[in-house]
Amino acid sequence: VITSGGSTNYANSVKGRFTISRENAKNMVYLQMNS
């Protein structure tokens, strides 16, 4: 989850591997999934 202010939180199972981000100018949210 990513808040309006950009704070993030992750499930323990994906911490360190996944990254959530947002691009407000484009109304987009992303999930980068590695490993």
PDB file of all heavy atoms in Angstrom:
ATOM      1  N   VAL A   1       0.855  -1.181   0.000  1.00  0.00           N
ATOM      2  CA  VAL A   1       0.000   0.000   0.000  1.00  0.00           C
ATOM      3  C   VAL A   1       0.896   1.237   0.000  1.00  0.00           C
ATOM      4  O   VAL A   1       1.982   1.229   0.593  1.00  0.00           O
ATOM      5  CB  VAL A   1      -0.959   0.007   1.204  1.00  0.00           C
ATOM      6  CG1 VAL A   1      -0.200   0.003   2.519  1.00  0.00           C
ATOM      7  CG2 VAL A   1      -1.924   1.171   1.137  1.00  0.00           C
ATOM      8  N   ILE A   2       0.426   2.280  -0.668  1.00  0.00           N
ATOM      9  CA  ILE A   2       1.128   3.563  -0.670  1.00  0.00           C
ATOM     10  C   ILE A   2       0.109   4.654  -0.370  1.00  0.00           C
ATOM     11  O   ILE A   2      -0.954   4.716  -0.998  1.00  0.00           O
ATOM     12  CB  ILE A   2       1.875   3.802  -2.001  1.00  0.00           C
ATOM     13  CG1 ILE A   2       2.695   5.088  -1.945  1.00  0.00           C
ATOM     14  CG2 ILE A   2       0.933   3.793  -3.200  1.00  0.00           C
ATOM     15  CD1 ILE A   2       3.712   5.205  -3.071  1.00  0.00           C
ATOM     16  N   THR A   3       0.431   5.496   0.594  1.00  0.00           N
ATOM     17  CA  THR A   3      -0.491   6.555   0.980  1.00  0.00           C
ATOM     18  C   THR A   3      -0.384   7.743   0.019  1.00  0.00           C
ATOM     19  O   THR A   3       0.498   7.785  -0.843  1.00  0.00           O
ATOM     20  CB  THR A   3      -0.191   7.043   2.398  1.00  0.00           C
ATOM     21  OG1 THR A   3       1.082   7.713   2.390  1.00  0.00           O
ATOM     22  CG2 THR A   3      -0.168   5.896   3.391  1.00  0.00           C
ATOM     23  N   SER A   4      -1.264   8.716   0.218  1.00  0.00           N
ATOM     24  CA  SER A   4      -1.210   9.916  -0.611  1.00  0.00           C
ATOM     25  C   SER A   4       0.111  10.665  -0.410  1.00  0.00           C
ATOM     26  O   SER A   4       0.610  11.307  -1.332  1.00  0.00           O
ATOM     27  CB  SER A   4      -2.382  10.838  -0.281  1.00  0.00           C
ATOM     28  OG  SER A   4      -2.361  11.202   1.089  1.00  0.00           O
ATOM     29  N   GLY A   5       0.704  10.509   0.759  1.00  0.00           N
ATOM     30  CA  GLY A   5       1.977  11.169   1.043  1.00  0.00           C
ATOM     31  C   GLY A   5       3.195  10.371   0.629  1.00  0.00           C
ATOM     32  O   GLY A   5       4.327  10.849   0.788  1.00  0.00           O
ATOM     33  N   GLY A   6       2.962   9.167   0.127  1.00  0.00           N
ATOM     34  CA  GLY A   6       4.069   8.360  -0.358  1.00  0.00           C
ATOM     35  C   GLY A   6       4.615   7.346   0.628  1.00  0.00           C
ATOM     36  O   GLY A   6       5.563   6.620   0.312  1.00  0.00           O
ATOM     37  N   SER A   7       4.030   7.251   1.807  1.00  0.00           N
ATOM     38  CA  SER A   7       4.450   6.212   2.744  1.00  0.00           C
ATOM     39  C   SER A   7       3.998   4.855   2.234  1.00  0.00           C
ATOM     40  O   SER A   7       2.922   4.734   1.645  1.00  0.00           O
ATOM     41  CB  SER A   7       3.848   6.472   4.124  1.00  0.00           C
ATOM     42  OG  SER A   7       4.324   7.691   4.649  1.00  0.00           O
ATOM     43  N   THR A   8       4.828   3.853   2.486  1.00  0.00           N
ATOM     44  CA  THR A   8       4.539   2.515   1.959  1.00  0.00           C
ATOM     45  C   THR A   8       4.535   1.472   3.075  1.00  0.00           C
ATOM     46  O   THR A   8       5.148   1.655   4.127  1.00  0.00           O
ATOM     47  CB  THR A   8       5.579   2.111   0.909  1.00  0.00           C
ATOM     48  OG1 THR A   8       6.890   2.142   1.494  1.00  0.00           O
ATOM     49  CG2 THR A   8       5.550   3.054  -0.283  1.00  0.00           C
ATOM     50  N   ASN A   9       3.843   0.385   2.790  1.00  0.00           N
ATOM     51  CA  ASN A   9       3.837  -0.748   3.703  1.00  0.00           C
ATOM     52  C   ASN A   9       3.685  -2.007   2.863  1.00  0.00           C
ATOM     53  O   ASN A   9       3.010  -1.989   1.816  1.00  0.00           O
ATOM     54  CB  ASN A   9       2.688  -0.636   4.709  1.00  0.00           C
ATOM     55  CG  ASN A   9       2.940  -1.458   5.946  1.00  0.00           C
ATOM     56  OD1 ASN A   9       4.037  -1.972   6.142  1.00  0.00           O
ATOM     57  ND2 ASN A   9       1.936  -1.567   6.797  1.00  0.00           N
ATOM     58  N   TYR A  10       4.304  -3.092   3.327  1.00  0.00           N
ATOM     59  CA  TYR A  10       4.347  -4.322   2.551  1.00  0.00           C
ATOM     60  C   TYR A  10       4.000  -5.530   3.390  1.00  0.00           C
ATOM     61  O   TYR A  10       4.264  -5.570   4.606  1.00  0.00           O
ATOM     62  CB  TYR A  10       5.757  -4.527   1.973  1.00  0.00           C
ATOM     63  CG  TYR A  10       6.205  -3.443   1.034  1.00  0.00           C
ATOM     64  CD1 TYR A  10       6.901  -2.341   1.504  1.00  0.00           C
ATOM     65  CD2 TYR A  10       5.929  -3.524  -0.330  1.00  0.00           C
ATOM     66  CE1 TYR A  10       7.306  -1.330   0.644  1.00  0.00           C
ATOM     67  CE2 TYR A  10       6.323  -2.523  -1.203  1.00  0.00           C
ATOM     68  CZ  TYR A  10       7.019  -1.428  -0.700  1.00  0.00           C
ATOM     69  OH  TYR A  10       7.418  -0.437  -1.552  1.00  0.00           O
ATOM     70  N   ALA A  11       3.454  -6.543   2.737  1.00  0.00           N
ATOM     71  CA  ALA A  11       3.315  -7.829   3.375  1.00  0.00           C
ATOM     72  C   ALA A  11       4.700  -8.389   3.657  1.00  0.00           C
ATOM     73  O   ALA A  11       5.638  -8.166   2.886  1.00  0.00           O
ATOM     74  CB  ALA A  11       2.548  -8.782   2.464  1.00  0.00           C
ATOM     75  N   ASN A  12       4.817  -9.112   4.751  1.00  0.00           N
ATOM     76  CA  ASN A  12       6.133  -9.659   5.120  1.00  0.00           C
ATOM     77  C   ASN A  12       6.708 -10.536   4.018  1.00  0.00           C
ATOM     78  O   ASN A  12       7.924 -10.580   3.818  1.00  0.00           O
ATOM     79  CB  ASN A  12       6.019 -10.458   6.421  1.00  0.00           C
ATOM     80  CG  ASN A  12       5.846  -9.569   7.632  1.00  0.00           C
ATOM     81  OD1 ASN A  12       6.252  -8.409   7.640  1.00  0.00           O
ATOM     82  ND2 ASN A  12       5.221 -10.112   8.674  1.00  0.00           N
ATOM     83  N   SER A  13       5.843 -11.219   3.300  1.00  0.00           N
ATOM     84  CA  SER A  13       6.294 -12.170   2.285  1.00  0.00           C
ATOM     85  C   SER A  13       6.948 -11.492   1.076  1.00  0.00           C
ATOM     86  O   SER A  13       7.631 -12.163   0.301  1.00  0.00           O
ATOM     87  CB  SER A  13       5.118 -13.022   1.810  1.00  0.00           C
ATOM     88  OG  SER A  13       4.082 -12.201   1.288  1.00  0.00           O
ATOM     89  N   VAL A  14       6.741 -10.191   0.914  1.00  0.00           N
ATOM     90  CA  VAL A  14       7.304  -9.509  -0.258  1.00  0.00           C
ATOM     91  C   VAL A  14       8.294  -8.413   0.111  1.00  0.00           C
ATOM     92  O   VAL A  14       8.897  -7.803  -0.776  1.00  0.00           O
ATOM     93  CB  VAL A  14       6.194  -8.920  -1.160  1.00  0.00           C
ATOM     94  CG1 VAL A  14       5.165  -9.986  -1.520  1.00  0.00           C
ATOM     95  CG2 VAL A  14       5.515  -7.724  -0.501  1.00  0.00           C
ATOM     96  N   LYS A  15       8.466  -8.163   1.381  1.00  0.00           N
ATOM     97  CA  LYS A  15       9.399  -7.101   1.807  1.00  0.00           C
ATOM     98  C   LYS A  15      10.801  -7.359   1.261  1.00  0.00           C
ATOM     99  O   LYS A  15      11.309  -8.474   1.318  1.00  0.00           O
ATOM    100  CB  LYS A  15       9.446  -7.027   3.336  1.00  0.00           C
ATOM    101  CG  LYS A  15       8.334  -6.221   3.950  1.00  0.00           C
ATOM    102  CD  LYS A  15       8.477  -6.154   5.476  1.00  0.00           C
ATOM    103  CE  LYS A  15       7.317  -5.397   6.088  1.00  0.00           C
ATOM    104  NZ  LYS A  15       7.380  -5.394   7.566  1.00  0.00           N
ATOM    105  N   GLY A  16      11.400  -6.298   0.736  1.00  0.00           N
ATOM    106  CA  GLY A  16      12.739  -6.408   0.177  1.00  0.00           C
ATOM    107  C   GLY A  16      12.764  -6.886  -1.259  1.00  0.00           C
ATOM    108  O   GLY A  16      13.819  -6.833  -1.909  1.00  0.00           O
ATOM    109  N   ARG A  17      11.620  -7.335  -1.783  1.00  0.00           N
ATOM    110  CA  ARG A  17      11.567  -7.817  -3.162  1.00  0.00           C
ATOM    111  C   ARG A  17      10.637  -6.956  -4.035  1.00  0.00           C
ATOM    112  O   ARG A  17      10.902  -6.780  -5.226  1.00  0.00           O
ATOM    113  CB  ARG A  17      11.083  -9.262  -3.204  1.00  0.00           C
ATOM    114  CG  ARG A  17      11.974 -10.235  -2.458  1.00  0.00           C
ATOM    115  CD  ARG A  17      11.547 -11.685  -2.697  1.00  0.00           C
ATOM    116  NE  ARG A  17      10.201 -11.960  -2.226  1.00  0.00           N
ATOM    117  CZ  ARG A  17       9.211 -12.409  -3.008  1.00  0.00           C
ATOM    118  NH1 ARG A  17       9.411 -12.612  -4.302  1.00  0.00           N
ATOM    119  NH2 ARG A  17       8.001 -12.653  -2.488  1.00  0.00           N
ATOM    120  N   PHE A  18       9.557  -6.478  -3.442  1.00  0.00           N
ATOM    121  CA  PHE A  18       8.568  -5.689  -4.186  1.00  0.00           C
ATOM    122  C   PHE A  18       8.664  -4.220  -3.769  1.00  0.00           C
ATOM    123  O   PHE A  18       8.945  -3.911  -2.609  1.00  0.00           O
ATOM    124  CB  PHE A  18       7.157  -6.174  -3.896  1.00  0.00           C
ATOM    125  CG  PHE A  18       6.813  -7.526  -4.463  1.00  0.00           C
ATOM    126  CD1 PHE A  18       7.762  -8.367  -4.992  1.00  0.00           C
ATOM    127  CD2 PHE A  18       5.487  -7.951  -4.465  1.00  0.00           C
ATOM    128  CE1 PHE A  18       7.436  -9.602  -5.516  1.00  0.00           C
ATOM    129  CE2 PHE A  18       5.133  -9.186  -4.982  1.00  0.00           C
ATOM    130  CZ  PHE A  18       6.116 -10.015  -5.496  1.00  0.00           C
ATOM    131  N   THR A  19       8.367  -3.339  -4.706  1.00  0.00           N
ATOM    132  CA  THR A  19       8.337  -1.906  -4.431  1.00  0.00           C
ATOM    133  C   THR A  19       7.098  -1.295  -5.075  1.00  0.00           C
ATOM    134  O   THR A  19       6.886  -1.447  -6.284  1.00  0.00           O
ATOM    135  CB  THR A  19       9.586  -1.208  -4.995  1.00  0.00           C
ATOM    136  OG1 THR A  19      10.762  -1.793  -4.432  1.00  0.00           O
ATOM    137  CG2 THR A  19       9.552   0.278  -4.654  1.00  0.00           C
ATOM    138  N   ILE A  20       6.300  -0.628  -4.255  1.00  0.00           N
ATOM    139  CA  ILE A  20       5.136   0.084  -4.765  1.00  0.00           C
ATOM    140  C   ILE A  20       5.506   1.559  -4.933  1.00  0.00           C
ATOM    141  O   ILE A  20       6.240   2.128  -4.112  1.00  0.00           O
ATOM    142  CB  ILE A  20       3.918  -0.078  -3.827  1.00  0.00           C
ATOM    143  CG1 ILE A  20       2.652   0.508  -4.463  1.00  0.00           C
ATOM    144  CG2 ILE A  20       4.173   0.526  -2.453  1.00  0.00           C
ATOM    145  CD1 ILE A  20       1.372   0.175  -3.696  1.00  0.00           C
ATOM    146  N   SER A  21       5.008   2.165  -5.999  1.00  0.00           N
ATOM    147  CA  SER A  21       5.269   3.575  -6.239  1.00  0.00           C
ATOM    148  C   SER A  21       4.074   4.182  -6.959  1.00  0.00           C
ATOM    149  O   SER A  21       3.213   3.454  -7.468  1.00  0.00           O
ATOM    150  CB  SER A  21       6.549   3.770  -7.064  1.00  0.00           C
ATOM    151  OG  SER A  21       6.428   3.150  -8.323  1.00  0.00           O
ATOM    152  N   ARG A  22       4.025   5.500  -6.984  1.00  0.00           N
ATOM    153  CA  ARG A  22       2.922   6.173  -7.648  1.00  0.00           C
ATOM    154  C   ARG A  22       3.436   7.381  -8.411  1.00  0.00           C
ATOM    155  O   ARG A  22       4.456   7.965  -8.046  1.00  0.00           O
ATOM    156  CB  ARG A  22       1.859   6.604  -6.634  1.00  0.00           C
ATOM    157  CG  ARG A  22       2.304   7.605  -5.606  1.00  0.00           C
ATOM    158  CD  ARG A  22       1.256   7.761  -4.504  1.00  0.00           C
ATOM    159  NE  ARG A  22      -0.001   8.267  -5.030  1.00  0.00           N
ATOM    160  CZ  ARG A  22      -1.190   8.097  -4.421  1.00  0.00           C
ATOM    161  NH1 ARG A  22      -1.256   7.424  -3.278  1.00  0.00           N
ATOM    162  NH2 ARG A  22      -2.280   8.606  -4.964  1.00  0.00           N
ATOM    163  N   GLU A  23       2.698   7.733  -9.448  1.00  0.00           N
ATOM    164  CA  GLU A  23       3.019   8.885 -10.275  1.00  0.00           C
ATOM    165  C   GLU A  23       1.741   9.707 -10.398  1.00  0.00           C
ATOM    166  O   GLU A  23       0.898   9.448 -11.271  1.00  0.00           O
ATOM    167  CB  GLU A  23       3.529   8.419 -11.640  1.00  0.00           C
ATOM    168  CG  GLU A  23       4.192   9.488 -12.452  1.00  0.00           C
ATOM    169  CD  GLU A  23       4.873   8.913 -13.698  1.00  0.00           C
ATOM    170  OE1 GLU A  23       4.794   7.694 -13.947  1.00  0.00           O
ATOM    171  OE2 GLU A  23       5.471   9.706 -14.434  1.00  0.00           O
ATOM    172  N   ASN A  24       1.600  10.681  -9.506  1.00  0.00           N
ATOM    173  CA  ASN A  24       0.336  11.412  -9.413  1.00  0.00           C
ATOM    174  C   ASN A  24       0.001  12.170 -10.694  1.00  0.00           C
ATOM    175  O   ASN A  24      -1.167  12.302 -11.061  1.00  0.00           O
ATOM    176  CB  ASN A  24       0.364  12.366  -8.228  1.00  0.00           C
ATOM    177  CG  ASN A  24       0.286  11.641  -6.890  1.00  0.00           C
ATOM    178  OD1 ASN A  24      -0.116  10.485  -6.826  1.00  0.00           O
ATOM    179  ND2 ASN A  24       0.687  12.327  -5.839  1.00  0.00           N
ATOM    180  N   ALA A  25       1.016  12.662 -11.380  1.00  0.00           N
ATOM    181  CA  ALA A  25       0.772  13.434 -12.598  1.00  0.00           C
ATOM    182  C   ALA A  25       0.108  12.594 -13.685  1.00  0.00           C
ATOM    183  O   ALA A  25      -0.557  13.128 -14.580  1.00  0.00           O
ATOM    184  CB  ALA A  25       2.070  14.026 -13.111  1.00  0.00           C
ATOM    185  N   LYS A  26       0.300  11.272 -13.594  1.00  0.00           N
ATOM    186  CA  LYS A  26      -0.266  10.368 -14.609  1.00  0.00           C
ATOM    187  C   LYS A  26      -1.371   9.484 -14.056  1.00  0.00           C
ATOM    188  O   LYS A  26      -1.868   8.605 -14.769  1.00  0.00           O
ATOM    189  CB  LYS A  26       0.845   9.496 -15.201  1.00  0.00           C
ATOM    190  CG  LYS A  26       1.886  10.274 -15.982  1.00  0.00           C
ATOM    191  CD  LYS A  26       2.883   9.332 -16.625  1.00  0.00           C
ATOM    192  CE  LYS A  26       3.902  10.102 -17.470  1.00  0.00           C
ATOM    193  NZ  LYS A  26       4.875   9.189 -18.128  1.00  0.00           N
ATOM    194  N   ASN A  27      -1.738   9.683 -12.788  1.00  0.00           N
ATOM    195  CA  ASN A  27      -2.752   8.826 -12.147  1.00  0.00           C
ATOM    196  C   ASN A  27      -2.383   7.349 -12.254  1.00  0.00           C
ATOM    197  O   ASN A  27      -3.219   6.504 -12.577  1.00  0.00           O
ATOM    198  CB  ASN A  27      -4.140   9.065 -12.766  1.00  0.00           C
ATOM    199  CG  ASN A  27      -4.770  10.365 -12.311  1.00  0.00           C
ATOM    200  OD1 ASN A  27      -4.098  11.222 -11.730  1.00  0.00           O
ATOM    201  ND2 ASN A  27      -6.037  10.534 -12.585  1.00  0.00           N
ATOM    202  N   MET A  28      -1.121   7.056 -11.972  1.00  0.00           N
ATOM    203  CA  MET A  28      -0.619   5.691 -12.105  1.00  0.00           C
ATOM    204  C   MET A  28      -0.025   5.201 -10.788  1.00  0.00           C
ATOM    205  O   MET A  28       0.581   5.973 -10.039  1.00  0.00           O
ATOM    206  CB  MET A  28       0.465   5.620 -13.184  1.00  0.00           C
ATOM    207  CG  MET A  28       0.001   5.947 -14.584  1.00  0.00           C
ATOM    208  SD  MET A  28      -1.062   4.670 -15.303  1.00  0.00           S
ATOM    209  CE  MET A  28       0.080   3.305 -15.422  1.00  0.00           C
ATOM    210  N   VAL A  29      -0.193   3.923 -10.541  1.00  0.00           N
ATOM    211  CA  VAL A  29       0.497   3.259  -9.442  1.00  0.00           C
ATOM    212  C   VAL A  29       1.169   2.012 -10.007  1.00  0.00           C
ATOM    213  O   VAL A  29       0.640   1.378 -10.922  1.00  0.00           O
ATOM    214  CB  VAL A  29      -0.453   2.929  -8.270  1.00  0.00           C
ATOM    215  CG1 VAL A  29      -1.547   1.970  -8.698  1.00  0.00           C
ATOM    216  CG2 VAL A  29       0.309   2.388  -7.086  1.00  0.00           C
ATOM    217  N   TYR A  30       2.330   1.686  -9.465  1.00  0.00           N
ATOM    218  CA  TYR A  30       3.141   0.592  -9.993  1.00  0.00           C
ATOM    219  C   TYR A  30       3.515  -0.387  -8.891  1.00  0.00           C
ATOM    220  O   TYR A  30       3.557  -0.031  -7.711  1.00  0.00           O
ATOM    221  CB  TYR A  30       4.431   1.145 -10.615  1.00  0.00           C
ATOM    222  CG  TYR A  30       4.204   2.229 -11.633  1.00  0.00           C
ATOM    223  CD1 TYR A  30       4.352   3.573 -11.292  1.00  0.00           C
ATOM    224  CD2 TYR A  30       3.833   1.917 -12.943  1.00  0.00           C
ATOM    225  CE1 TYR A  30       4.155   4.574 -12.221  1.00  0.00           C
ATOM    226  CE2 TYR A  30       3.617   2.926 -13.873  1.00  0.00           C
ATOM    227  CZ  TYR A  30       3.774   4.244 -13.505  1.00  0.00           C
ATOM    228  OH  TYR A  30       3.557   5.243 -14.426  1.00  0.00           O
ATOM    229  N   LEU A  31       3.813  -1.604  -9.298  1.00  0.00           N
ATOM    230  CA  LEU A  31       4.368  -2.601  -8.392  1.00  0.00           C
ATOM    231  C   LEU A  31       5.534  -3.257  -9.100  1.00  0.00           C
ATOM    232  O   LEU A  31       5.334  -4.035 -10.030  1.00  0.00           O
ATOM    233  CB  LEU A  31       3.322  -3.644  -7.977  1.00  0.00           C
ATOM    234  CG  LEU A  31       3.794  -4.627  -6.913  1.00  0.00           C
ATOM    235  CD1 LEU A  31       4.002  -3.908  -5.579  1.00  0.00           C
ATOM    236  CD2 LEU A  31       2.792  -5.771  -6.739  1.00  0.00           C
ATOM    237  N   GLN A  32       6.742  -2.919  -8.663  1.00  0.00           N
ATOM    238  CA  GLN A  32       7.941  -3.549  -9.185  1.00  0.00           C
ATOM    239  C   GLN A  32       8.191  -4.816  -8.368  1.00  0.00           C
ATOM    240  O   GLN A  32       8.346  -4.740  -7.145  1.00  0.00           O
ATOM    241  CB  GLN A  32       9.141  -2.607  -9.072  1.00  0.00           C
ATOM    242  CG  GLN A  32      10.441  -3.206  -9.562  1.00  0.00           C
ATOM    243  CD  GLN A  32      10.463  -3.450 -11.056  1.00  0.00           C
ATOM    244  OE1 GLN A  32       9.991  -2.623 -11.828  1.00  0.00           O
ATOM    245  NE2 GLN A  32      11.001  -4.590 -11.468  1.00  0.00           N
ATOM    246  N   MET A  33       8.224  -5.947  -9.041  1.00  0.00           N
ATOM    247  CA  MET A  33       8.375  -7.233  -8.373  1.00  0.00           C
ATOM    248  C   MET A  33       9.665  -7.871  -8.837  1.00  0.00           C
ATOM    249  O   MET A  33       9.804  -8.227 -10.020  1.00  0.00           O
ATOM    250  CB  MET A  33       7.182  -8.142  -8.700  1.00  0.00           C
ATOM    251  CG  MET A  33       5.834  -7.507  -8.390  1.00  0.00           C
ATOM    252  SD  MET A  33       4.454  -8.640  -8.617  1.00  0.00           S
ATOM    253  CE  MET A  33       4.554  -8.931 -10.374  1.00  0.00           C
ATOM    254  N   ASN A  34      10.617  -8.031  -7.914  1.00  0.00           N
ATOM    255  CA  ASN A  34      11.906  -8.641  -8.208  1.00  0.00           C
ATOM    256  C   ASN A  34      12.054  -9.957  -7.459  1.00  0.00           C
ATOM    257  O   ASN A  34      11.304 -10.236  -6.521  1.00  0.00           O
ATOM    258  CB  ASN A  34      13.036  -7.688  -7.806  1.00  0.00           C
ATOM    259  CG  ASN A  34      13.012  -6.380  -8.568  1.00  0.00           C
ATOM    260  OD1 ASN A  34      12.563  -6.318  -9.719  1.00  0.00           O
ATOM    261  ND2 ASN A  34      13.486  -5.317  -7.945  1.00  0.00           N
ATOM    262  N   SER A  35      13.021 -10.726  -7.873  1.00  0.00           N
ATOM    263  CA  SER A  35      13.302 -12.022  -7.226  1.00  0.00           C
ATOM    264  C   SER A  35      12.017 -12.831  -7.035  1.00  0.00           C
ATOM    265  O   SER A  35      11.744 -13.341  -5.945  1.00  0.00           O
ATOM    266  CB  SER A  35      13.993 -11.796  -5.878  1.00  0.00           C
ATOM    267  OG  SER A  35      15.180 -11.066  -6.032  1.00  0.00           O
TER     268      SER A  35
END
